[in-house]
Full PDB file with SEQRES, HELIX, SHEET, SSBOND, CRYST1, ORIGX, SCALE, CONECT and MASTER records, all heavy atoms in Angstrom:
SEQRES   1 A   33  ASP ALA SER GLN LEU ILE PHE ALA CYS LEU ALA HIS PRO          
SEQRES   2 A   33  MET SER ALA GLN TRP ILE LEU GLU SER ASP ILE HIS GLY          
SEQRES   3 A   33  CYS PHE ASP ASN ILE SER HIS                                  
HELIX    1 AA1 ALA A    2  LEU A   10  1                                   9    
HELIX    2 AA2 CYS A   27  ASN A   30  1                                   4    
CRYST1    1.000    1.000    1.000  90.00  90.00  90.00 P 1           1          
ORIGX1      1.000000  0.000000  0.000000        0.00000                         
ORIGX2      0.000000  1.000000  0.000000        0.00000                         
ORIGX3      0.000000  0.000000  1.000000        0.00000                         
SCALE1      1.000000  0.000000  0.000000        0.00000                         
SCALE2      0.000000  1.000000  0.000000        0.00000                         
SCALE3      0.000000  0.000000  1.000000        0.00000                         
ATOM      1  N   ASP A   1      -4.963 -12.540   1.324  1.00  0.00           N  
ATOM      2  CA  ASP A   1      -3.530 -12.792   1.551  1.00  0.00           C  
ATOM      3  C   ASP A   1      -2.917 -11.374   1.896  1.00  0.00           C  
ATOM      4  O   ASP A   1      -2.030 -11.235   2.767  1.00  0.00           O  
ATOM      5  CB  ASP A   1      -2.925 -13.443   0.412  1.00  0.00           C  
ATOM      6  CG  ASP A   1      -3.464 -14.919   0.188  1.00  0.00           C  
ATOM      7  OD1 ASP A   1      -3.575 -15.611   1.132  1.00  0.00           O  
ATOM      8  OD2 ASP A   1      -3.709 -15.255  -0.956  1.00  0.00           O  
ATOM      9  N   ALA A   2      -3.296 -10.430   1.066  1.00  0.00           N  
ATOM     10  CA  ALA A   2      -2.811  -9.006   1.332  1.00  0.00           C  
ATOM     11  C   ALA A   2      -3.207  -8.545   2.641  1.00  0.00           C  
ATOM     12  O   ALA A   2      -2.326  -7.862   3.420  1.00  0.00           O  
ATOM     13  CB  ALA A   2      -3.280  -8.091   0.267  1.00  0.00           C  
ATOM     14  N   SER A   3      -4.410  -8.722   3.106  1.00  0.00           N  
ATOM     15  CA  SER A   3      -4.906  -8.326   4.410  1.00  0.00           C  
ATOM     16  C   SER A   3      -4.074  -9.018   5.518  1.00  0.00           C  
ATOM     17  O   SER A   3      -3.729  -8.434   6.559  1.00  0.00           O  
ATOM     18  CB  SER A   3      -6.358  -8.690   4.496  1.00  0.00           C  
ATOM     19  OG  SER A   3      -7.180  -7.923   3.675  1.00  0.00           O  
ATOM     20  N   GLN A   4      -3.767 -10.241   5.255  1.00  0.00           N  
ATOM     21  CA  GLN A   4      -3.031 -11.004   6.370  1.00  0.00           C  
ATOM     22  C   GLN A   4      -1.684 -10.430   6.530  1.00  0.00           C  
ATOM     23  O   GLN A   4      -1.122 -10.224   7.548  1.00  0.00           O  
ATOM     24  CB  GLN A   4      -2.940 -12.502   5.903  1.00  0.00           C  
ATOM     25  CG  GLN A   4      -2.169 -13.407   6.936  1.00  0.00           C  
ATOM     26  CD  GLN A   4      -2.223 -14.878   6.463  1.00  0.00           C  
ATOM     27  OE1 GLN A   4      -2.130 -15.076   5.279  1.00  0.00           O  
ATOM     28  NE2 GLN A   4      -2.165 -15.766   7.406  1.00  0.00           N  
ATOM     29  N   LEU A   5      -0.993 -10.030   5.412  1.00  0.00           N  
ATOM     30  CA  LEU A   5       0.395  -9.481   5.409  1.00  0.00           C  
ATOM     31  C   LEU A   5       0.261  -8.102   6.121  1.00  0.00           C  
ATOM     32  O   LEU A   5       1.081  -7.736   7.021  1.00  0.00           O  
ATOM     33  CB  LEU A   5       0.926  -9.381   4.071  1.00  0.00           C  
ATOM     34  CG  LEU A   5       2.273  -8.607   3.965  1.00  0.00           C  
ATOM     35  CD1 LEU A   5       3.336  -9.492   4.676  1.00  0.00           C  
ATOM     36  CD2 LEU A   5       2.696  -8.417   2.494  1.00  0.00           C  
ATOM     37  N   ILE A   6      -0.720  -7.293   5.768  1.00  0.00           N  
ATOM     38  CA  ILE A   6      -0.922  -5.952   6.395  1.00  0.00           C  
ATOM     39  C   ILE A   6      -1.082  -6.217   7.962  1.00  0.00           C  
ATOM     40  O   ILE A   6      -0.482  -5.493   8.697  1.00  0.00           O  
ATOM     41  CB  ILE A   6      -2.117  -5.241   5.777  1.00  0.00           C  
ATOM     42  CG1 ILE A   6      -1.638  -4.854   4.308  1.00  0.00           C  
ATOM     43  CG2 ILE A   6      -2.354  -3.951   6.588  1.00  0.00           C  
ATOM     44  CD1 ILE A   6      -2.822  -4.208   3.602  1.00  0.00           C  
ATOM     45  N   PHE A   7      -1.892  -7.139   8.363  1.00  0.00           N  
ATOM     46  CA  PHE A   7      -2.087  -7.393   9.710  1.00  0.00           C  
ATOM     47  C   PHE A   7      -0.811  -7.796  10.500  1.00  0.00           C  
ATOM     48  O   PHE A   7      -0.491  -7.236  11.502  1.00  0.00           O  
ATOM     49  CB  PHE A   7      -3.171  -8.545   9.972  1.00  0.00           C  
ATOM     50  CG  PHE A   7      -3.254  -8.817  11.458  1.00  0.00           C  
ATOM     51  CD1 PHE A   7      -4.126  -8.136  12.242  1.00  0.00           C  
ATOM     52  CD2 PHE A   7      -2.744  -9.949  12.036  1.00  0.00           C  
ATOM     53  CE1 PHE A   7      -4.291  -8.456  13.547  1.00  0.00           C  
ATOM     54  CE2 PHE A   7      -2.850 -10.254  13.354  1.00  0.00           C  
ATOM     55  CZ  PHE A   7      -3.658  -9.486  14.147  1.00  0.00           C  
ATOM     56  N   ALA A   8       0.049  -8.599   9.779  1.00  0.00           N  
ATOM     57  CA  ALA A   8       1.260  -9.057  10.382  1.00  0.00           C  
ATOM     58  C   ALA A   8       2.284  -7.862  10.511  1.00  0.00           C  
ATOM     59  O   ALA A   8       2.973  -7.773  11.458  1.00  0.00           O  
ATOM     60  CB  ALA A   8       2.032 -10.190   9.459  1.00  0.00           C  
ATOM     61  N   CYS A   9       2.141  -6.907   9.545  1.00  0.00           N  
ATOM     62  CA  CYS A   9       3.091  -5.696   9.609  1.00  0.00           C  
ATOM     63  C   CYS A   9       2.550  -4.759  10.641  1.00  0.00           C  
ATOM     64  O   CYS A   9       3.393  -3.926  11.208  1.00  0.00           O  
ATOM     65  CB  CYS A   9       3.137  -5.032   8.225  1.00  0.00           C  
ATOM     66  SG  CYS A   9       3.828  -5.908   6.944  1.00  0.00           S  
ATOM     67  N   LEU A  10       1.337  -4.718  11.027  1.00  0.00           N  
ATOM     68  CA  LEU A  10       0.856  -3.693  11.904  1.00  0.00           C  
ATOM     69  C   LEU A  10       0.523  -4.119  13.345  1.00  0.00           C  
ATOM     70  O   LEU A  10       0.114  -3.360  14.170  1.00  0.00           O  
ATOM     71  CB  LEU A  10      -0.453  -3.021  11.324  1.00  0.00           C  
ATOM     72  CG  LEU A  10      -0.325  -2.285  10.002  1.00  0.00           C  
ATOM     73  CD1 LEU A  10      -1.740  -1.955   9.409  1.00  0.00           C  
ATOM     74  CD2 LEU A  10       0.590  -1.146  10.055  1.00  0.00           C  
ATOM     75  N   ALA A  11       0.477  -5.481  13.479  1.00  0.00           N  
ATOM     76  CA  ALA A  11       0.008  -5.982  14.770  1.00  0.00           C  
ATOM     77  C   ALA A  11       0.882  -5.754  16.003  1.00  0.00           C  
ATOM     78  O   ALA A  11       0.530  -5.654  17.110  1.00  0.00           O  
ATOM     79  CB  ALA A  11      -0.207  -7.550  14.703  1.00  0.00           C  
ATOM     80  N   HIS A  12       2.243  -5.534  15.741  1.00  0.00           N  
ATOM     81  CA  HIS A  12       3.182  -5.297  16.836  1.00  0.00           C  
ATOM     82  C   HIS A  12       3.084  -3.864  17.398  1.00  0.00           C  
ATOM     83  O   HIS A  12       2.918  -2.955  16.618  1.00  0.00           O  
ATOM     84  CB  HIS A  12       4.574  -5.587  16.180  1.00  0.00           C  
ATOM     85  CG  HIS A  12       5.636  -5.666  17.318  1.00  0.00           C  
ATOM     86  ND1 HIS A  12       6.305  -4.611  17.848  1.00  0.00           N  
ATOM     87  CD2 HIS A  12       6.142  -6.849  17.933  1.00  0.00           C  
ATOM     88  CE1 HIS A  12       7.123  -5.124  18.755  1.00  0.00           C  
ATOM     89  NE2 HIS A  12       7.058  -6.532  18.819  1.00  0.00           N  
ATOM     90  N   PRO A  13       3.300  -3.787  18.675  1.00  0.00           N  
ATOM     91  CA  PRO A  13       3.219  -2.475  19.283  1.00  0.00           C  
ATOM     92  C   PRO A  13       4.152  -1.439  18.670  1.00  0.00           C  
ATOM     93  O   PRO A  13       3.931  -0.143  18.597  1.00  0.00           O  
ATOM     94  CB  PRO A  13       3.569  -2.730  20.740  1.00  0.00           C  
ATOM     95  CG  PRO A  13       3.221  -4.074  21.063  1.00  0.00           C  
ATOM     96  CD  PRO A  13       3.486  -4.741  19.689  1.00  0.00           C  
ATOM     97  N   MET A  14       5.268  -1.852  18.089  1.00  0.00           N  
ATOM     98  CA  MET A  14       6.200  -0.932  17.402  1.00  0.00           C  
ATOM     99  C   MET A  14       6.026  -0.801  15.924  1.00  0.00           C  
ATOM    100  O   MET A  14       6.933  -0.305  15.211  1.00  0.00           O  
ATOM    101  CB  MET A  14       7.596  -1.351  17.756  1.00  0.00           C  
ATOM    102  CG  MET A  14       8.038  -1.395  19.279  1.00  0.00           C  
ATOM    103  SD  MET A  14       7.846   0.239  20.011  1.00  0.00           S  
ATOM    104  CE  MET A  14       9.273   1.063  19.088  1.00  0.00           C  
ATOM    105  N   SER A  15       4.913  -1.306  15.453  1.00  0.00           N  
ATOM    106  CA  SER A  15       4.631  -1.228  13.986  1.00  0.00           C  
ATOM    107  C   SER A  15       4.323   0.119  13.639  1.00  0.00           C  
ATOM    108  O   SER A  15       4.144   1.066  14.332  1.00  0.00           O  
ATOM    109  CB  SER A  15       3.513  -2.168  13.664  1.00  0.00           C  
ATOM    110  OG  SER A  15       3.765  -3.468  13.990  1.00  0.00           O  
ATOM    111  N   ALA A  16       4.267   0.324  12.247  1.00  0.00           N  
ATOM    112  CA  ALA A  16       3.991   1.679  11.588  1.00  0.00           C  
ATOM    113  C   ALA A  16       2.648   2.120  12.158  1.00  0.00           C  
ATOM    114  O   ALA A  16       1.724   1.408  12.432  1.00  0.00           O  
ATOM    115  CB  ALA A  16       3.911   1.493  10.201  1.00  0.00           C  
ATOM    116  N   GLN A  17       2.586   3.457  12.291  1.00  0.00           N  
ATOM    117  CA  GLN A  17       1.337   4.065  12.817  1.00  0.00           C  
ATOM    118  C   GLN A  17       0.419   4.603  11.767  1.00  0.00           C  
ATOM    119  O   GLN A  17      -0.717   4.972  11.998  1.00  0.00           O  
ATOM    120  CB  GLN A  17       1.674   5.174  13.766  1.00  0.00           C  
ATOM    121  CG  GLN A  17       2.492   4.750  15.104  1.00  0.00           C  
ATOM    122  CD  GLN A  17       1.721   3.724  15.841  1.00  0.00           C  
ATOM    123  OE1 GLN A  17       0.628   4.030  16.266  1.00  0.00           O  
ATOM    124  NE2 GLN A  17       2.309   2.559  16.126  1.00  0.00           N  
ATOM    125  N   TRP A  18       0.898   4.727  10.553  1.00  0.00           N  
ATOM    126  CA  TRP A  18       0.089   5.263   9.386  1.00  0.00           C  
ATOM    127  C   TRP A  18       0.129   4.459   8.148  1.00  0.00           C  
ATOM    128  O   TRP A  18       1.145   3.648   7.965  1.00  0.00           O  
ATOM    129  CB  TRP A  18       0.629   6.607   9.074  1.00  0.00           C  
ATOM    130  CG  TRP A  18       0.591   7.718  10.193  1.00  0.00           C  
ATOM    131  CD1 TRP A  18       1.458   7.884  11.173  1.00  0.00           C  
ATOM    132  CD2 TRP A  18      -0.409   8.569  10.349  1.00  0.00           C  
ATOM    133  NE1 TRP A  18       1.013   8.925  12.052  1.00  0.00           N  
ATOM    134  CE2 TRP A  18      -0.041   9.376  11.398  1.00  0.00           C  
ATOM    135  CE3 TRP A  18      -1.533   8.895   9.589  1.00  0.00           C  
ATOM    136  CZ2 TRP A  18      -0.985  10.442  11.966  1.00  0.00           C  
ATOM    137  CZ3 TRP A  18      -2.435  10.035  10.057  1.00  0.00           C  
ATOM    138  CH2 TRP A  18      -2.101  10.769  11.264  1.00  0.00           C  
ATOM    139  N   ILE A  19      -0.899   4.387   7.542  1.00  0.00           N  
ATOM    140  CA  ILE A  19      -0.924   3.806   6.130  1.00  0.00           C  
ATOM    141  C   ILE A  19      -1.277   4.971   5.091  1.00  0.00           C  
ATOM    142  O   ILE A  19      -2.354   5.466   5.204  1.00  0.00           O  
ATOM    143  CB  ILE A  19      -2.024   2.742   6.072  1.00  0.00           C  
ATOM    144  CG1 ILE A  19      -1.792   1.567   7.038  1.00  0.00           C  
ATOM    145  CG2 ILE A  19      -2.053   2.161   4.610  1.00  0.00           C  
ATOM    146  CD1 ILE A  19      -2.760   0.498   7.109  1.00  0.00           C  
ATOM    147  N   LEU A  20      -0.411   5.013   4.194  1.00  0.00           N  
ATOM    148  CA  LEU A  20      -0.687   5.985   3.101  1.00  0.00           C  
ATOM    149  C   LEU A  20      -0.892   5.298   1.822  1.00  0.00           C  
ATOM    150  O   LEU A  20      -0.285   4.355   1.419  1.00  0.00           O  
ATOM    151  CB  LEU A  20       0.604   6.915   2.926  1.00  0.00           C  
ATOM    152  CG  LEU A  20       1.056   7.665   4.042  1.00  0.00           C  
ATOM    153  CD1 LEU A  20       2.330   8.483   3.733  1.00  0.00           C  
ATOM    154  CD2 LEU A  20       0.002   8.565   4.674  1.00  0.00           C  
ATOM    155  N   GLU A  21      -2.078   5.594   1.195  1.00  0.00           N  
ATOM    156  CA  GLU A  21      -2.426   5.039  -0.047  1.00  0.00           C  
ATOM    157  C   GLU A  21      -2.122   6.076  -1.298  1.00  0.00           C  
ATOM    158  O   GLU A  21      -2.509   7.236  -1.144  1.00  0.00           O  
ATOM    159  CB  GLU A  21      -3.910   4.744  -0.127  1.00  0.00           C  
ATOM    160  CG  GLU A  21      -4.311   4.069  -1.468  1.00  0.00           C  
ATOM    161  CD  GLU A  21      -5.863   3.788  -1.496  1.00  0.00           C  
ATOM    162  OE1 GLU A  21      -6.609   4.038  -0.559  1.00  0.00           O  
ATOM    163  OE2 GLU A  21      -6.284   3.312  -2.653  1.00  0.00           O  
ATOM    164  N   SER A  22      -1.522   5.625  -2.219  1.00  0.00           N  
ATOM    165  CA  SER A  22      -1.208   6.500  -3.388  1.00  0.00           C  
ATOM    166  C   SER A  22      -1.562   5.808  -4.705  1.00  0.00           C  
ATOM    167  O   SER A  22      -1.726   4.570  -4.734  1.00  0.00           O  
ATOM    168  CB  SER A  22       0.251   6.921  -3.447  1.00  0.00           C  
ATOM    169  OG  SER A  22       1.080   5.788  -3.621  1.00  0.00           O  
ATOM    170  N   ASP A  23      -1.763   6.625  -5.676  1.00  0.00           N  
ATOM    171  CA  ASP A  23      -2.175   6.108  -7.055  1.00  0.00           C  
ATOM    172  C   ASP A  23      -1.400   6.825  -8.019  1.00  0.00           C  
ATOM    173  O   ASP A  23      -1.124   7.989  -7.917  1.00  0.00           O  
ATOM    174  CB  ASP A  23      -3.671   6.293  -7.277  1.00  0.00           C  
ATOM    175  CG  ASP A  23      -4.281   5.286  -8.293  1.00  0.00           C  
ATOM    176  OD1 ASP A  23      -3.496   4.585  -8.938  1.00  0.00           O  
ATOM    177  OD2 ASP A  23      -5.408   5.503  -8.675  1.00  0.00           O  
ATOM    178  N   ILE A  24      -1.121   6.128  -9.213  1.00  0.00           N  
ATOM    179  CA  ILE A  24      -0.499   6.866 -10.368  1.00  0.00           C  
ATOM    180  C   ILE A  24      -1.554   7.359 -11.181  1.00  0.00           C  
ATOM    181  O   ILE A  24      -2.420   6.631 -11.838  1.00  0.00           O  
ATOM    182  CB  ILE A  24       0.374   5.773 -11.064  1.00  0.00           C  
ATOM    183  CG1 ILE A  24       1.411   5.181 -10.183  1.00  0.00           C  
ATOM    184  CG2 ILE A  24       1.024   6.485 -12.280  1.00  0.00           C  
ATOM    185  CD1 ILE A  24       2.270   4.004 -10.759  1.00  0.00           C  
ATOM    186  N   HIS A  25      -1.652   8.628 -11.333  1.00  0.00           N  
ATOM    187  CA  HIS A  25      -2.698   9.293 -12.095  1.00  0.00           C  
ATOM    188  C   HIS A  25      -2.639   9.061 -13.547  1.00  0.00           C  
ATOM    189  O   HIS A  25      -1.570   9.326 -14.155  1.00  0.00           O  
ATOM    190  CB  HIS A  25      -2.698  10.939 -11.815  1.00  0.00           C  
ATOM    191  CG  HIS A  25      -3.781  11.595 -12.480  1.00  0.00           C  
ATOM    192  ND1 HIS A  25      -5.082  11.576 -12.215  1.00  0.00           N  
ATOM    193  CD2 HIS A  25      -3.659  12.524 -13.596  1.00  0.00           C  
ATOM    194  CE1 HIS A  25      -5.762  12.283 -12.998  1.00  0.00           C  
ATOM    195  NE2 HIS A  25      -4.838  12.883 -13.907  1.00  0.00           N  
ATOM    196  N   GLY A  26      -3.722   8.560 -14.206  1.00  0.00           N  
ATOM    197  CA  GLY A  26      -3.734   8.381 -15.681  1.00  0.00           C  
ATOM    198  C   GLY A  26      -2.729   7.372 -16.023  1.00  0.00           C  
ATOM    199  O   GLY A  26      -2.239   7.399 -17.194  1.00  0.00           O  
ATOM    200  N   CYS A  27      -2.405   6.396 -15.245  1.00  0.00           N  
ATOM    201  CA  CYS A  27      -1.346   5.407 -15.606  1.00  0.00           C  
ATOM    202  C   CYS A  27      -1.619   4.723 -16.980  1.00  0.00           C  
ATOM    203  O   CYS A  27      -0.848   4.657 -17.792  1.00  0.00           O  
ATOM    204  CB  CYS A  27      -1.173   4.449 -14.527  1.00  0.00           C  
ATOM    205  SG  CYS A  27       0.014   3.062 -14.883  1.00  0.00           S  
ATOM    206  N   PHE A  28      -2.803   4.225 -17.104  1.00  0.00           N  
ATOM    207  CA  PHE A  28      -3.171   3.359 -18.308  1.00  0.00           C  
ATOM    208  C   PHE A  28      -3.217   4.337 -19.396  1.00  0.00           C  
ATOM    209  O   PHE A  28      -2.903   3.849 -20.599  1.00  0.00           O  
ATOM    210  CB  PHE A  28      -4.570   2.712 -18.124  1.00  0.00           C  
ATOM    211  CG  PHE A  28      -4.616   1.423 -17.268  1.00  0.00           C  
ATOM    212  CD1 PHE A  28      -4.794   1.420 -16.039  1.00  0.00           C  
ATOM    213  CD2 PHE A  28      -4.436   0.241 -18.011  1.00  0.00           C  
ATOM    214  CE1 PHE A  28      -4.888   0.215 -15.274  1.00  0.00           C  
ATOM    215  CE2 PHE A  28      -4.464  -0.953 -17.273  1.00  0.00           C  
ATOM    216  CZ  PHE A  28      -4.705  -0.990 -15.912  1.00  0.00           C  
ATOM    217  N   ASP A  29      -3.565   5.522 -19.325  1.00  0.00           N  
ATOM    218  CA  ASP A  29      -3.809   6.424 -20.512  1.00  0.00           C  
ATOM    219  C   ASP A  29      -2.486   6.998 -20.980  1.00  0.00           C  
ATOM    220  O   ASP A  29      -2.397   7.434 -22.112  1.00  0.00           O  
ATOM    221  CB  ASP A  29      -4.761   7.608 -20.118  1.00  0.00           C  
ATOM    222  CG  ASP A  29      -6.092   7.129 -19.619  1.00  0.00           C  
ATOM    223  OD1 ASP A  29      -6.565   6.062 -20.281  1.00  0.00           O  
ATOM    224  OD2 ASP A  29      -6.762   7.751 -18.774  1.00  0.00           O  
ATOM    225  N   ASN A  30      -1.475   7.005 -20.163  1.00  0.00           N  
ATOM    226  CA  ASN A  30      -0.189   7.802 -20.532  1.00  0.00           C  
ATOM    227  C   ASN A  30       1.093   7.017 -20.596  1.00  0.00           C  
ATOM    228  O   ASN A  30       2.125   7.551 -20.917  1.00  0.00           O  
ATOM    229  CB  ASN A  30      -0.020   8.973 -19.469  1.00  0.00           C  
ATOM    230  CG  ASN A  30      -1.259   9.914 -19.507  1.00  0.00           C  
ATOM    231  OD1 ASN A  30      -1.574  10.504 -20.578  1.00  0.00           O  
ATOM    232  ND2 ASN A  30      -1.950  10.036 -18.377  1.00  0.00           N  
ATOM    233  N   ILE A  31       0.988   5.704 -20.257  1.00  0.00           N  
ATOM    234  CA  ILE A  31       2.261   4.952 -20.219  1.00  0.00           C  
ATOM    235  C   ILE A  31       2.903   4.834 -21.576  1.00  0.00           C  
ATOM    236  O   ILE A  31       2.273   4.762 -22.593  1.00  0.00           O  
ATOM    237  CB  ILE A  31       1.906   3.560 -19.654  1.00  0.00           C  
ATOM    238  CG1 ILE A  31       3.354   2.822 -19.457  1.00  0.00           C  
ATOM    239  CG2 ILE A  31       1.067   2.729 -20.575  1.00  0.00           C  
ATOM    240  CD1 ILE A  31       3.074   1.563 -18.599  1.00  0.00           C  
ATOM    241  N   SER A  32       4.130   4.990 -21.634  1.00  0.00           N  
ATOM    242  CA  SER A  32       4.928   5.010 -22.930  1.00  0.00           C  
ATOM    243  C   SER A  32       5.024   3.706 -23.622  1.00  0.00           C  
ATOM    244  O   SER A  32       5.330   2.700 -22.972  1.00  0.00           O  
ATOM    245  CB  SER A  32       6.366   5.574 -22.651  1.00  0.00           C  
ATOM    246  OG  SER A  32       7.241   5.325 -23.740  1.00  0.00           O  
ATOM    247  N   HIS A  33       4.637   3.573 -24.830  1.00  0.00           N  
ATOM    248  CA  HIS A  33       4.704   2.375 -25.629  1.00  0.00           C  
ATOM    249  C   HIS A  33       6.154   1.973 -25.826  1.00  0.00           C  
ATOM    250  O   HIS A  33       6.478   0.752 -25.698  1.00  0.00           O  
ATOM    251  CB  HIS A  33       4.043   2.581 -27.050  1.00  0.00           C  
ATOM    252  CG  HIS A  33       2.624   2.636 -26.932  1.00  0.00           C  
ATOM    253  ND1 HIS A  33       1.798   2.754 -28.135  1.00  0.00           N  
ATOM    254  CD2 HIS A  33       1.688   2.602 -25.930  1.00  0.00           C  
ATOM    255  CE1 HIS A  33       0.506   2.766 -27.752  1.00  0.00           C  
ATOM    256  NE2 HIS A  33       0.476   2.712 -26.486  1.00  0.00           N  
TER     257      HIS A  33                                                      
MASTER        0    0    0    2    0    0    0    6  256    1    0    3          
END                                                                             
């Protein structure tokens, strides 16, 4: 389902040209209780 949405977002000639992937470093280890 996620792949389908990404395809729909990128399939148009005027769609975004870049995909940036980011991650939250140490999220599980440091999140505030």
